[in-house]
Amino acid sequence: MTYTTYTDNFASVIDPNEASFYDLLCTAAGDFVDDYDMDQAVSDFVDAINEAIRPLGVVTTVSGVSYCEYGADIDDEAVQEAARDVYVYDILQKNDISGK
């Protein structure tokens, strides 16, 4: 199988204003960004996104570069919807370090 780049910045598929997954999560955390282990949150977020989009033929990396099979007929709207359905606040809550 040959793969090709689906997008260089998958975070922008979720929110066109975001430059990276880290930025997306920081925006969601707002003033409480220091309450979370952001590196682990990004990793967990990407894992959850991959669970949602892999069945649609796309995978992404922590850096945001994502891939699909060359010539694949990817339903971009379905990929976007699946990625947006990953609830960022659950990921942040899982990585809350404010009580430690």
C-alpha atoms as a PDB file:
ATOM      1  CA  MET A   1       0.000   0.000   0.000  1.00  0.00           C
ATOM      2  CA  THR A   2       1.142   3.514  -0.764  1.00  0.00           C
ATOM      3  CA  TYR A   3       0.161   6.373   1.515  1.00  0.00           C
ATOM      4  CA  THR A   4      -0.089  10.090   0.896  1.00  0.00           C
ATOM      5  CA  THR A   5      -0.516  13.134   3.079  1.00  0.00           C
ATOM      6  CA  TYR A   6      -4.153  13.854   3.836  1.00  0.00           C
ATOM      7  CA  THR A   7      -3.335  17.181   5.531  1.00  0.00           C
ATOM      8  CA  ASP A   8      -0.328  18.837   7.145  1.00  0.00           C
ATOM      9  CA  ASN A   9      -2.405  20.189  10.044  1.00  0.00           C
ATOM     10  CA  PHE A  10      -5.238  17.954  11.184  1.00  0.00           C
ATOM     11  CA  ALA A  11      -6.109  20.362  14.011  1.00  0.00           C
ATOM     12  CA  SER A  12      -7.368  22.743  11.310  1.00  0.00           C
ATOM     13  CA  VAL A  13      -9.795  20.041  10.153  1.00  0.00           C
ATOM     14  CA  ILE A  14     -11.386  20.261  13.607  1.00  0.00           C
ATOM     15  CA  ASP A  15     -11.098  24.037  13.947  1.00  0.00           C
ATOM     16  CA  PRO A  16      -9.758  26.117  11.039  1.00  0.00           C
ATOM     17  CA  ASN A  17      -8.374  28.674  13.514  1.00  0.00           C
ATOM     18  CA  GLU A  18      -6.035  26.245  15.283  1.00  0.00           C
ATOM     19  CA  ALA A  19      -2.413  25.709  14.283  1.00  0.00           C
ATOM     20  CA  SER A  20      -1.851  22.495  16.260  1.00  0.00           C
ATOM     21  CA  PHE A  21      -3.467  20.002  18.601  1.00  0.00           C
ATOM     22  CA  TYR A  22      -1.603  21.662  21.465  1.00  0.00           C
ATOM     23  CA  ASP A  23      -3.090  25.047  20.579  1.00  0.00           C
ATOM     24  CA  LEU A  24      -6.552  23.511  20.213  1.00  0.00           C
ATOM     25  CA  LEU A  25      -6.367  21.989  23.692  1.00  0.00           C
ATOM     26  CA  CYS A  26      -4.918  25.170  25.198  1.00  0.00           C
ATOM     27  CA  THR A  27      -7.817  27.135  23.728  1.00  0.00           C
ATOM     28  CA  ALA A  28     -10.262  24.666  25.268  1.00  0.00           C
ATOM     29  CA  ALA A  29      -8.500  24.819  28.655  1.00  0.00           C
ATOM     30  CA  GLY A  30      -8.536  28.614  28.634  1.00  0.00           C
ATOM     31  CA  ASP A  31      -7.238  30.222  31.819  1.00  0.00           C
ATOM     32  CA  PHE A  32      -6.841  26.780  33.409  1.00  0.00           C
ATOM     33  CA  VAL A  33      -4.207  25.446  31.005  1.00  0.00           C
ATOM     34  CA  ASP A  34      -1.737  24.957  33.880  1.00  0.00           C
ATOM     35  CA  ASP A  35      -4.203  22.565  35.532  1.00  0.00           C
ATOM     36  CA  TYR A  36      -3.545  19.934  32.855  1.00  0.00           C
ATOM     37  CA  ASP A  37      -0.688  17.768  31.672  1.00  0.00           C
ATOM     38  CA  MET A  38      -0.945  19.185  28.172  1.00  0.00           C
ATOM     39  CA  ASP A  39       1.640  16.890  26.577  1.00  0.00           C
ATOM     40  CA  GLN A  40      -0.239  13.805  27.749  1.00  0.00           C
ATOM     41  CA  ALA A  41      -3.570  15.407  26.842  1.00  0.00           C
ATOM     42  CA  VAL A  42      -2.373  15.963  23.276  1.00  0.00           C
ATOM     43  CA  SER A  43      -1.229  12.347  23.044  1.00  0.00           C
ATOM     44  CA  ASP A  44      -4.550  11.075  24.428  1.00  0.00           C
ATOM     45  CA  PHE A  45      -6.487  13.404  22.117  1.00  0.00           C
ATOM     46  CA  VAL A  46      -4.645  12.124  19.048  1.00  0.00           C
ATOM     47  CA  ASP A  47      -5.248   8.523  20.151  1.00  0.00           C
ATOM     48  CA  ALA A  48      -8.979   9.222  20.487  1.00  0.00           C
ATOM     49  CA  ILE A  49      -9.095  10.982  17.123  1.00  0.00           C
ATOM     50  CA  ASN A  50      -7.339   8.058  15.463  1.00  0.00           C
ATOM     51  CA  GLU A  51      -9.883   5.656  16.943  1.00  0.00           C
ATOM     52  CA  ALA A  52     -12.595   7.745  15.297  1.00  0.00           C
ATOM     53  CA  ILE A  53     -10.986   8.397  11.911  1.00  0.00           C
ATOM     54  CA  ARG A  54      -8.995   5.222  11.236  1.00  0.00           C
ATOM     55  CA  PRO A  55     -12.127   3.340  10.094  1.00  0.00           C
ATOM     56  CA  LEU A  56     -12.658   6.190   7.589  1.00  0.00           C
ATOM     57  CA  GLY A  57      -9.207   5.646   6.082  1.00  0.00           C
ATOM     58  CA  VAL A  58      -7.232   8.441   7.766  1.00  0.00           C
ATOM     59  CA  VAL A  59      -4.663   8.466  10.577  1.00  0.00           C
ATOM     60  CA  THR A  60      -2.941  11.431  12.187  1.00  0.00           C
ATOM     61  CA  THR A  61       0.229  12.021  14.139  1.00  0.00           C
ATOM     62  CA  VAL A  62       0.779  14.201  17.197  1.00  0.00           C
ATOM     63  CA  SER A  63       2.419  16.762  14.912  1.00  0.00           C
ATOM     64  CA  GLY A  64      -0.849  16.997  12.974  1.00  0.00           C
ATOM     65  CA  VAL A  65       0.363  15.452   9.745  1.00  0.00           C
ATOM     66  CA  SER A  66      -2.213  12.906   8.683  1.00  0.00           C
ATOM     67  CA  TYR A  67      -2.175  10.206   6.057  1.00  0.00           C
ATOM     68  CA  CYS A  68      -4.497   8.143   3.916  1.00  0.00           C
ATOM     69  CA  GLU A  69      -4.016   5.487   1.293  1.00  0.00           C
ATOM     70  CA  TYR A  70      -3.027   6.946  -2.070  1.00  0.00           C
ATOM     71  CA  GLY A  71      -6.091   7.251  -4.293  1.00  0.00           C
ATOM     72  CA  ALA A  72      -8.517   6.482  -1.458  1.00  0.00           C
ATOM     73  CA  ASP A  73     -12.004   7.925  -1.706  1.00  0.00           C
ATOM     74  CA  ILE A  74     -12.103   9.741   1.645  1.00  0.00           C
ATOM     75  CA  ASP A  75     -15.358  11.300   2.843  1.00  0.00           C
ATOM     76  CA  ASP A  76     -13.923  14.553   4.178  1.00  0.00           C
ATOM     77  CA  GLU A  77     -17.138  15.532   5.940  1.00  0.00           C
ATOM     78  CA  ALA A  78     -17.311  12.199   7.745  1.00  0.00           C
ATOM     79  CA  VAL A  79     -13.674  12.543   8.847  1.00  0.00           C
ATOM     80  CA  GLN A  80     -14.311  16.075  10.089  1.00  0.00           C
ATOM     81  CA  GLU A  81     -17.464  15.038  11.943  1.00  0.00           C
ATOM     82  CA  ALA A  82     -15.787  12.015  13.544  1.00  0.00           C
ATOM     83  CA  ALA A  83     -12.851  14.127  14.722  1.00  0.00           C
ATOM     84  CA  ARG A  84     -15.124  16.845  16.084  1.00  0.00           C
ATOM     85  CA  ASP A  85     -17.095  14.223  18.015  1.00  0.00           C
ATOM     86  CA  VAL A  86     -14.033  13.539  20.191  1.00  0.00           C
ATOM     87  CA  TYR A  87     -14.925  15.472  23.311  1.00  0.00           C
ATOM     88  CA  VAL A  88     -11.882  17.552  24.187  1.00  0.00           C
ATOM     89  CA  TYR A  89     -13.096  18.260  27.727  1.00  0.00           C
ATOM     90  CA  ASP A  90     -13.112  14.543  28.580  1.00  0.00           C
ATOM     91  CA  ILE A  91      -9.497  14.390  27.464  1.00  0.00           C
ATOM     92  CA  LEU A  92      -8.595  17.430  29.553  1.00  0.00           C
ATOM     93  CA  GLN A  93     -10.409  16.068  32.604  1.00  0.00           C
ATOM     94  CA  LYS A  94      -8.499  12.803  32.291  1.00  0.00           C
ATOM     95  CA  ASN A  95      -5.259  14.811  32.396  1.00  0.00           C
ATOM     96  CA  ASP A  96      -6.170  17.170  35.244  1.00  0.00           C
ATOM     97  CA  ILE A  97      -3.158  17.622  37.514  1.00  0.00           C
ATOM     98  CA  SER A  98      -4.544  20.478  39.596  1.00  0.00           C
ATOM     99  CA  GLY A  99      -5.179  18.221  42.584  1.00  0.00           C
ATOM    100  CA  LYS A 100      -1.706  16.690  42.620  1.00  0.00           C
END
